[in-house]
Amino acid sequence: MNFPIDISQERIKELKVDFTRFRMAYKFALDEMTTKLNILNEEFSYIHDYNPIEHISTRMKSPDSLIKKVLKKNIPLSFDHIKDNIRDIAGIRITCSFRSDIYQISEMIQSQRDIEVIDIKDYITNPKPNGYRSLHLILKIPVFMSDREESVFVEVQIRTIAMDFWASLEHKIYYKYNQEVPEELLIELKEAAKTASDLDKKMEDLHKKVAVIKQEKDDLIGDEMVNMIKQVSFPQMSNMLNGLLTEDKNKL
């Protein structure tokens, strides 16, 4: 829908409704993705006794920011053109503890049958020149409303806590210097990015060592339980299970 210059009050009201509906589709897409991620995280926790996702945050481009990008990219002022050409109106940032979590979360997202993966940019394997690291996914999410179905773009950024801290610091520095950051600070920022990357690698190694120790302990407990079960008769086992079920009911 085009935006004419000379419009009546009634037309302004119609455009306001259209714009609200336009943004609603992106808001609902973020709601859907947040629900999916919470379910995946909870399922992973039940199965593996571990949560790969530390934090989830969402954001929508403000109307001012959206219009600025539309004008900068010389996109025609219509909802359809904006929808087709601007892919970061809705965004989700997923923060996790370890690098391996990033790719595991990415695979879980991509395995969702109703999600279409449009693009993947791996700035972890190939960092930006300034040192920025993150995994970016552009997804197409179906949104089902009372009178229609729409598919909208959602940008997903997945990064570790260290990567997120660095990106936040870099953003604040650029904002403070109004994009004109002194060269010496840029050099220090890049060095800090390398330090954060080294920290991620170190923490990943520690995580793997802890996992090995935990697995060995679980295997030992499992062997002990098998031996114990072999020595217990069926009636005794039945009584033990009934006792455990009774304890669980009393706790509820």
C-alpha atoms as a PDB file:
ATOM      1  CA  MET A   1       0.000   0.000   0.000  1.00  0.00           C
ATOM      2  CA  ASN A   2       1.479   3.361  -1.049  1.00  0.00           C
ATOM      3  CA  PHE A   3       1.641   6.418   1.179  1.00  0.00           C
ATOM      4  CA  PRO A   4       0.291   9.484  -0.692  1.00  0.00           C
ATOM      5  CA  ILE A   5       1.345  12.949   0.383  1.00  0.00           C
ATOM      6  CA  ASP A   6      -2.069  14.682   0.351  1.00  0.00           C
ATOM      7  CA  ILE A   7      -4.385  12.477   2.369  1.00  0.00           C
ATOM      8  CA  SER A   8      -7.547  12.961   4.367  1.00  0.00           C
ATOM      9  CA  GLN A   9      -7.998  12.359   8.084  1.00  0.00           C
ATOM     10  CA  GLU A  10      -9.951   9.215   7.287  1.00  0.00           C
ATOM     11  CA  ARG A  11      -7.118   7.923   5.127  1.00  0.00           C
ATOM     12  CA  ILE A  12      -4.626   8.690   7.901  1.00  0.00           C
ATOM     13  CA  LYS A  13      -6.697   6.546  10.264  1.00  0.00           C
ATOM     14  CA  GLU A  14      -6.746   3.708   7.719  1.00  0.00           C
ATOM     15  CA  LEU A  15      -2.964   3.903   7.319  1.00  0.00           C
ATOM     16  CA  LYS A  16      -2.538   3.854  11.081  1.00  0.00           C
ATOM     17  CA  VAL A  17      -4.616   0.663  11.292  1.00  0.00           C
ATOM     18  CA  ASP A  18      -2.664  -0.872   8.393  1.00  0.00           C
ATOM     19  CA  PHE A  19       0.666   0.010  10.032  1.00  0.00           C
ATOM     20  CA  THR A  20      -0.476  -1.457  13.349  1.00  0.00           C
ATOM     21  CA  ARG A  21      -1.482  -4.708  11.610  1.00  0.00           C
ATOM     22  CA  PHE A  22       1.818  -4.694   9.724  1.00  0.00           C
ATOM     23  CA  ARG A  23       3.832  -4.493  12.976  1.00  0.00           C
ATOM     24  CA  MET A  24       1.572  -7.006  14.723  1.00  0.00           C
ATOM     25  CA  ALA A  25       2.682  -9.746  12.319  1.00  0.00           C
ATOM     26  CA  TYR A  26       6.304  -9.215  13.374  1.00  0.00           C
ATOM     27  CA  LYS A  27       5.396  -9.021  17.053  1.00  0.00           C
ATOM     28  CA  PHE A  28       3.525 -12.334  16.827  1.00  0.00           C
ATOM     29  CA  ALA A  29       6.451 -13.906  14.924  1.00  0.00           C
ATOM     30  CA  LEU A  30       8.720 -12.952  17.834  1.00  0.00           C
ATOM     31  CA  ASP A  31       6.204 -14.444  20.273  1.00  0.00           C
ATOM     32  CA  GLU A  32       6.164 -17.697  18.289  1.00  0.00           C
ATOM     33  CA  MET A  33       9.960 -17.902  18.152  1.00  0.00           C
ATOM     34  CA  THR A  34      10.315 -17.140  21.866  1.00  0.00           C
ATOM     35  CA  THR A  35       7.852 -19.940  22.693  1.00  0.00           C
ATOM     36  CA  LYS A  36       9.698 -22.374  20.412  1.00  0.00           C
ATOM     37  CA  LEU A  37      13.049 -21.518  22.003  1.00  0.00           C
ATOM     38  CA  ASN A  38      11.705 -21.889  25.546  1.00  0.00           C
ATOM     39  CA  ILE A  39      10.255 -25.301  24.673  1.00  0.00           C
ATOM     40  CA  LEU A  40      13.492 -26.459  23.037  1.00  0.00           C
ATOM     41  CA  ASN A  41      15.512 -25.236  25.997  1.00  0.00           C
ATOM     42  CA  GLU A  42      13.244 -26.972  28.506  1.00  0.00           C
ATOM     43  CA  GLU A  43      13.232 -30.220  26.502  1.00  0.00           C
ATOM     44  CA  PHE A  44      17.031 -30.123  26.282  1.00  0.00           C
ATOM     45  CA  SER A  45      17.201 -29.576  30.031  1.00  0.00           C
ATOM     46  CA  TYR A  46      15.004 -32.622  30.752  1.00  0.00           C
ATOM     47  CA  ILE A  47      16.995 -34.900  28.434  1.00  0.00           C
ATOM     48  CA  HIS A  48      20.544 -33.670  29.063  1.00  0.00           C
ATOM     49  CA  ASP A  49      20.217 -32.004  32.473  1.00  0.00           C
ATOM     50  CA  TYR A  50      21.653 -28.824  30.974  1.00  0.00           C
ATOM     51  CA  ASN A  51      20.275 -25.533  29.583  1.00  0.00           C
ATOM     52  CA  PRO A  52      22.076 -24.319  26.432  1.00  0.00           C
ATOM     53  CA  ILE A  53      20.216 -20.980  26.426  1.00  0.00           C
ATOM     54  CA  GLU A  54      21.188 -18.443  29.088  1.00  0.00           C
ATOM     55  CA  HIS A  55      19.043 -15.531  27.930  1.00  0.00           C
ATOM     56  CA  ILE A  56      16.608 -14.536  25.162  1.00  0.00           C
ATOM     57  CA  SER A  57      15.834 -10.938  24.208  1.00  0.00           C
ATOM     58  CA  THR A  58      13.644  -9.597  21.421  1.00  0.00           C
ATOM     59  CA  ARG A  59      13.373  -6.243  19.709  1.00  0.00           C
ATOM     60  CA  MET A  60      11.343  -4.495  17.012  1.00  0.00           C
ATOM     61  CA  LYS A  61      12.692  -1.704  14.827  1.00  0.00           C
ATOM     62  CA  SER A  62      11.136   1.604  15.821  1.00  0.00           C
ATOM     63  CA  PRO A  63       9.051   3.380  13.153  1.00  0.00           C
ATOM     64  CA  ASP A  64      11.746   6.099  12.859  1.00  0.00           C
ATOM     65  CA  SER A  65      14.541   3.559  12.431  1.00  0.00           C
ATOM     66  CA  LEU A  66      12.491   1.622   9.889  1.00  0.00           C
ATOM     67  CA  ILE A  67      11.724   4.697   7.776  1.00  0.00           C
ATOM     68  CA  LYS A  68      15.392   5.762   7.850  1.00  0.00           C
ATOM     69  CA  LYS A  69      16.466   2.342   6.555  1.00  0.00           C
ATOM     70  CA  VAL A  70      13.759   2.354   3.872  1.00  0.00           C
ATOM     71  CA  LEU A  71      14.916   5.765   2.618  1.00  0.00           C
ATOM     72  CA  LYS A  72      18.596   4.794   2.836  1.00  0.00           C
ATOM     73  CA  LYS A  73      18.020   1.672   0.728  1.00  0.00           C
ATOM     74  CA  ASN A  74      15.730   3.576  -1.632  1.00  0.00           C
ATOM     75  CA  ILE A  75      12.868   1.121  -1.118  1.00  0.00           C
ATOM     76  CA  PRO A  76       9.401   2.173  -2.373  1.00  0.00           C
ATOM     77  CA  LEU A  77       7.143   3.335   0.475  1.00  0.00           C
ATOM     78  CA  SER A  78       4.700   0.444   0.508  1.00  0.00           C
ATOM     79  CA  PHE A  79       4.087  -2.240   3.099  1.00  0.00           C
ATOM     80  CA  ASP A  80       4.691  -5.035   0.575  1.00  0.00           C
ATOM     81  CA  HIS A  81       8.045  -3.609  -0.564  1.00  0.00           C
ATOM     82  CA  ILE A  82       9.172  -3.016   3.022  1.00  0.00           C
ATOM     83  CA  LYS A  83       8.147  -6.539   4.028  1.00  0.00           C
ATOM     84  CA  ASP A  84      10.066  -8.073   1.111  1.00  0.00           C
ATOM     85  CA  ASN A  85      13.238  -5.992   1.414  1.00  0.00           C
ATOM     86  CA  ILE A  86      13.823  -5.296   5.117  1.00  0.00           C
ATOM     87  CA  ARG A  87      14.779  -8.476   6.938  1.00  0.00           C
ATOM     88  CA  ASP A  88      15.604  -7.185  10.415  1.00  0.00           C
ATOM     89  CA  ILE A  89      12.356  -5.482  11.468  1.00  0.00           C
ATOM     90  CA  ALA A  90      12.029  -8.192  14.120  1.00  0.00           C
ATOM     91  CA  GLY A  91      15.064  -9.576  15.905  1.00  0.00           C
ATOM     92  CA  ILE A  92      15.917 -12.142  18.564  1.00  0.00           C
ATOM     93  CA  ARG A  93      19.200 -12.372  20.451  1.00  0.00           C
ATOM     94  CA  ILE A  94      20.069 -15.682  22.103  1.00  0.00           C
ATOM     95  CA  THR A  95      22.903 -15.726  24.620  1.00  0.00           C
ATOM     96  CA  CYS A  96      24.548 -18.978  25.685  1.00  0.00           C
ATOM     97  CA  SER A  97      27.580 -20.084  27.692  1.00  0.00           C
ATOM     98  CA  PHE A  98      29.639 -21.983  25.128  1.00  0.00           C
ATOM     99  CA  ARG A  99      30.401 -21.916  21.408  1.00  0.00           C
ATOM    100  CA  SER A 100      29.130 -25.444  20.954  1.00  0.00           C
ATOM    101  CA  ASP A 101      25.758 -24.281  22.309  1.00  0.00           C
ATOM    102  CA  ILE A 102      25.508 -21.740  19.478  1.00  0.00           C
ATOM    103  CA  TYR A 103      25.614 -24.356  16.736  1.00  0.00           C
ATOM    104  CA  GLN A 104      23.430 -26.777  18.683  1.00  0.00           C
ATOM    105  CA  ILE A 105      20.742 -24.115  19.100  1.00  0.00           C
ATOM    106  CA  SER A 106      21.066 -23.204  15.425  1.00  0.00           C
ATOM    107  CA  GLU A 107      20.503 -26.838  14.398  1.00  0.00           C
ATOM    108  CA  MET A 108      17.464 -27.116  16.688  1.00  0.00           C
ATOM    109  CA  ILE A 109      15.951 -23.985  15.145  1.00  0.00           C
ATOM    110  CA  GLN A 110      16.636 -25.110  11.586  1.00  0.00           C
ATOM    111  CA  SER A 111      15.031 -28.508  12.263  1.00  0.00           C
ATOM    112  CA  GLN A 112      11.639 -26.863  12.935  1.00  0.00           C
ATOM    113  CA  ARG A 113       9.441 -27.845   9.995  1.00  0.00           C
ATOM    114  CA  ASP A 114       7.459 -24.603   9.861  1.00  0.00           C
ATOM    115  CA  ILE A 115      10.559 -22.380   9.777  1.00  0.00           C
ATOM    116  CA  GLU A 116      12.218 -21.468   6.494  1.00  0.00           C
ATOM    117  CA  VAL A 117      15.928 -20.640   6.711  1.00  0.00           C
ATOM    118  CA  ILE A 118      16.689 -17.803   4.288  1.00  0.00           C
ATOM    119  CA  ASP A 119      20.295 -16.984   5.112  1.00  0.00           C
ATOM    120  CA  ILE A 120      23.088 -17.881   7.566  1.00  0.00           C
ATOM    121  CA  LYS A 121      26.112 -15.710   8.321  1.00  0.00           C
ATOM    122  CA  ASP A 122      28.776 -17.242  10.554  1.00  0.00           C
ATOM    123  CA  TYR A 123      30.783 -14.389  12.055  1.00  0.00           C
ATOM    124  CA  ILE A 124      32.326 -16.815  14.554  1.00  0.00           C
ATOM    125  CA  THR A 125      34.221 -18.853  11.986  1.00  0.00           C
ATOM    126  CA  ASN A 126      34.753 -15.669   9.951  1.00  0.00           C
ATOM    127  CA  PRO A 127      34.767 -12.672  12.339  1.00  0.00           C
ATOM    128  CA  LYS A 128      34.154  -9.167  11.020  1.00  0.00           C
ATOM    129  CA  PRO A 129      37.272  -6.990  10.578  1.00  0.00           C
ATOM    130  CA  ASN A 130      36.523  -5.159  13.841  1.00  0.00           C
ATOM    131  CA  GLY A 131      36.499  -8.457  15.784  1.00  0.00           C
ATOM    132  CA  TYR A 132      32.698  -8.927  15.990  1.00  0.00           C
ATOM    133  CA  ARG A 133      31.616 -12.557  16.460  1.00  0.00           C
ATOM    134  CA  SER A 134      28.113 -14.026  16.322  1.00  0.00           C
ATOM    135  CA  LEU A 135      25.983 -16.436  14.304  1.00  0.00           C
ATOM    136  CA  HIS A 136      23.202 -14.734  12.333  1.00  0.00           C
ATOM    137  CA  LEU A 137      20.154 -16.490  10.895  1.00  0.00           C
ATOM    138  CA  ILE A 138      17.475 -14.916   8.713  1.00  0.00           C
ATOM    139  CA  LEU A 139      14.290 -16.943   9.118  1.00  0.00           C
ATOM    140  CA  LYS A 140      10.822 -16.776   7.614  1.00  0.00           C
ATOM    141  CA  ILE A 141       8.154 -17.402  10.237  1.00  0.00           C
ATOM    142  CA  PRO A 142       4.493 -18.164   9.434  1.00  0.00           C
ATOM    143  CA  VAL A 143       2.022 -16.144  11.490  1.00  0.00           C
ATOM    144  CA  PHE A 144      -1.596 -17.311  11.709  1.00  0.00           C
ATOM    145  CA  MET A 145      -4.168 -14.637  12.452  1.00  0.00           C
ATOM    146  CA  SER A 146      -7.958 -14.581  12.490  1.00  0.00           C
ATOM    147  CA  ASP A 147      -8.344 -13.498   8.866  1.00  0.00           C
ATOM    148  CA  ARG A 148      -5.047 -14.377   7.190  1.00  0.00           C
ATOM    149  CA  GLU A 149      -1.694 -16.107   7.276  1.00  0.00           C
ATOM    150  CA  GLU A 150       1.507 -14.131   6.795  1.00  0.00           C
ATOM    151  CA  SER A 151       5.154 -15.114   6.648  1.00  0.00           C
ATOM    152  CA  VAL A 152       7.625 -12.520   7.906  1.00  0.00           C
ATOM    153  CA  PHE A 153      11.375 -12.286   8.299  1.00  0.00           C
ATOM    154  CA  VAL A 154      12.990 -12.585  11.723  1.00  0.00           C
ATOM    155  CA  GLU A 155      16.688 -12.055  12.342  1.00  0.00           C
ATOM    156  CA  VAL A 156      18.233 -14.338  14.979  1.00  0.00           C
ATOM    157  CA  GLN A 157      21.612 -13.609  16.547  1.00  0.00           C
ATOM    158  CA  ILE A 158      23.220 -16.350  18.644  1.00  0.00           C
ATOM    159  CA  ARG A 159      26.336 -15.585  20.667  1.00  0.00           C
ATOM    160  CA  THR A 160      28.168 -16.461  23.871  1.00  0.00           C
ATOM    161  CA  ILE A 161      28.099 -14.269  26.981  1.00  0.00           C
ATOM    162  CA  ALA A 162      31.636 -13.066  26.173  1.00  0.00           C
ATOM    163  CA  MET A 163      30.675 -12.194  22.576  1.00  0.00           C
ATOM    164  CA  ASP A 164      27.577 -10.364  23.799  1.00  0.00           C
ATOM    165  CA  PHE A 165      29.568  -8.372  26.366  1.00  0.00           C
ATOM    166  CA  TRP A 166      32.065  -7.291  23.691  1.00  0.00           C
ATOM    167  CA  ALA A 167      29.303  -6.327  21.218  1.00  0.00           C
ATOM    168  CA  SER A 168      27.513  -4.296  23.904  1.00  0.00           C
ATOM    169  CA  LEU A 169      30.725  -2.468  24.822  1.00  0.00           C
ATOM    170  CA  GLU A 170      31.531  -1.741  21.180  1.00  0.00           C
ATOM    171  CA  HIS A 171      28.031  -0.338  20.603  1.00  0.00           C
ATOM    172  CA  LYS A 172      28.342   1.985  23.613  1.00  0.00           C
ATOM    173  CA  ILE A 173      31.753   3.254  22.467  1.00  0.00           C
ATOM    174  CA  TYR A 174      30.496   3.967  18.935  1.00  0.00           C
ATOM    175  CA  TYR A 175      27.468   5.754  20.375  1.00  0.00           C
ATOM    176  CA  LYS A 176      29.607   7.850  22.735  1.00  0.00           C
ATOM    177  CA  TYR A 177      31.949   8.967  19.934  1.00  0.00           C
ATOM    178  CA  ASN A 178      29.104   9.398  17.418  1.00  0.00           C
ATOM    179  CA  GLN A 179      30.637   6.721  15.140  1.00  0.00           C
ATOM    180  CA  GLU A 180      33.997   8.591  15.062  1.00  0.00           C
ATOM    181  CA  VAL A 181      35.992   6.272  17.315  1.00  0.00           C
ATOM    182  CA  PRO A 182      39.725   7.065  17.770  1.00  0.00           C
ATOM    183  CA  GLU A 183      42.059   4.614  16.056  1.00  0.00           C
ATOM    184  CA  GLU A 184      43.744   3.523  19.307  1.00  0.00           C
ATOM    185  CA  LEU A 185      40.372   2.522  20.768  1.00  0.00           C
ATOM    186  CA  LEU A 186      39.535   0.508  17.645  1.00  0.00           C
ATOM    187  CA  ILE A 187      42.821  -1.387  18.054  1.00  0.00           C
ATOM    188  CA  GLU A 188      42.067  -2.073  21.730  1.00  0.00           C
ATOM    189  CA  LEU A 189      38.551  -3.216  20.863  1.00  0.00           C
ATOM    190  CA  LYS A 190      39.909  -5.720  18.361  1.00  0.00           C
ATOM    191  CA  GLU A 191      42.395  -6.993  20.945  1.00  0.00           C
ATOM    192  CA  ALA A 192      39.539  -7.312  23.453  1.00  0.00           C
ATOM    193  CA  ALA A 193      37.589  -9.350  20.894  1.00  0.00           C
ATOM    194  CA  LYS A 194      40.545 -11.741  20.621  1.00  0.00           C
ATOM    195  CA  THR A 195      40.739 -11.981  24.434  1.00  0.00           C
ATOM    196  CA  ALA A 196      37.003 -12.762  24.608  1.00  0.00           C
ATOM    197  CA  SER A 197      37.446 -15.439  21.937  1.00  0.00           C
ATOM    198  CA  ASP A 198      40.324 -17.020  23.861  1.00  0.00           C
ATOM    199  CA  LEU A 199      38.174 -17.008  27.014  1.00  0.00           C
ATOM    200  CA  ASP A 200      35.375 -18.793  25.128  1.00  0.00           C
ATOM    201  CA  LYS A 201      37.818 -21.484  24.001  1.00  0.00           C
ATOM    202  CA  LYS A 202      39.149 -21.941  27.542  1.00  0.00           C
ATOM    203  CA  MET A 203      35.655 -22.193  29.039  1.00  0.00           C
ATOM    204  CA  GLU A 204      34.656 -24.671  26.322  1.00  0.00           C
ATOM    205  CA  ASP A 205      37.609 -26.892  27.224  1.00  0.00           C
ATOM    206  CA  LEU A 206      36.665 -26.778  30.923  1.00  0.00           C
ATOM    207  CA  HIS A 207      33.049 -27.571  30.043  1.00  0.00           C
ATOM    208  CA  LYS A 208      34.126 -30.661  28.089  1.00  0.00           C
ATOM    209  CA  LYS A 209      36.312 -31.885  30.960  1.00  0.00           C
ATOM    210  CA  VAL A 210      33.459 -31.472  33.442  1.00  0.00           C
ATOM    211  CA  ALA A 211      31.135 -33.350  31.058  1.00  0.00           C
ATOM    212  CA  VAL A 212      33.579 -36.273  30.858  1.00  0.00           C
ATOM    213  CA  ILE A 213      33.860 -36.461  34.674  1.00  0.00           C
ATOM    214  CA  LYS A 214      30.063 -36.302  35.031  1.00  0.00           C
ATOM    215  CA  GLN A 215      29.592 -39.052  32.418  1.00  0.00           C
ATOM    216  CA  GLU A 216      32.072 -41.331  34.208  1.00  0.00           C
ATOM    217  CA  LYS A 217      30.229 -40.733  37.488  1.00  0.00           C
ATOM    218  CA  ASP A 218      26.837 -41.417  35.857  1.00  0.00           C
ATOM    219  CA  ASP A 219      28.179 -44.628  34.302  1.00  0.00           C
ATOM    220  CA  LEU A 220      29.426 -45.776  37.720  1.00  0.00           C
ATOM    221  CA  ILE A 221      26.062 -45.044  39.359  1.00  0.00           C
ATOM    222  CA  GLY A 222      24.313 -46.807  36.481  1.00  0.00           C
ATOM    223  CA  ASP A 223      26.418 -49.943  36.947  1.00  0.00           C
ATOM    224  CA  GLU A 224      25.699 -49.933  40.683  1.00  0.00           C
ATOM    225  CA  MET A 225      21.955 -49.625  40.052  1.00  0.00           C
ATOM    226  CA  VAL A 226      22.013 -52.528  37.572  1.00  0.00           C
ATOM    227  CA  ASN A 227      23.801 -54.720  40.114  1.00  0.00           C
ATOM    228  CA  MET A 228      21.324 -53.708  42.814  1.00  0.00           C
ATOM    229  CA  ILE A 229      18.335 -54.480  40.578  1.00  0.00           C
ATOM    230  CA  LYS A 230      19.730 -57.923  39.792  1.00  0.00           C
ATOM    231  CA  GLN A 231      19.757 -58.733  43.510  1.00  0.00           C
ATOM    232  CA  VAL A 232      16.169 -57.571  44.138  1.00  0.00           C
ATOM    233  CA  SER A 233      13.159 -59.862  43.570  1.00  0.00           C
ATOM    234  CA  PHE A 234      10.128 -58.726  41.570  1.00  0.00           C
ATOM    235  CA  PRO A 235       7.850 -58.239  44.637  1.00  0.00           C
ATOM    236  CA  GLN A 236      10.564 -56.182  46.338  1.00  0.00           C
ATOM    237  CA  MET A 237      11.017 -54.039  43.224  1.00  0.00           C
ATOM    238  CA  SER A 238       7.254 -53.494  43.001  1.00  0.00           C
ATOM    239  CA  ASN A 239       7.122 -52.355  46.624  1.00  0.00           C
ATOM    240  CA  MET A 240      10.055 -49.984  46.074  1.00  0.00           C
ATOM    241  CA  LEU A 241       8.379 -48.373  43.049  1.00  0.00           C
ATOM    242  CA  ASN A 242       5.070 -48.003  44.902  1.00  0.00           C
ATOM    243  CA  GLY A 243       6.920 -46.356  47.773  1.00  0.00           C
ATOM    244  CA  LEU A 244       8.580 -43.868  45.437  1.00  0.00           C
ATOM    245  CA  LEU A 245       5.246 -43.050  43.755  1.00  0.00           C
ATOM    246  CA  THR A 246       3.629 -42.499  47.170  1.00  0.00           C
ATOM    247  CA  GLU A 247       6.442 -40.096  48.156  1.00  0.00           C
ATOM    248  CA  ASP A 248       5.968 -38.124  44.922  1.00  0.00           C
ATOM    249  CA  LYS A 249       2.192 -37.859  45.499  1.00  0.00           C
ATOM    250  CA  ASN A 250       2.720 -36.592  49.025  1.00  0.00           C
ATOM    251  CA  LYS A 251       5.031 -33.859  47.710  1.00  0.00           C
ATOM    252  CA  LEU A 252       2.356 -32.584  45.293  1.00  0.00           C
END
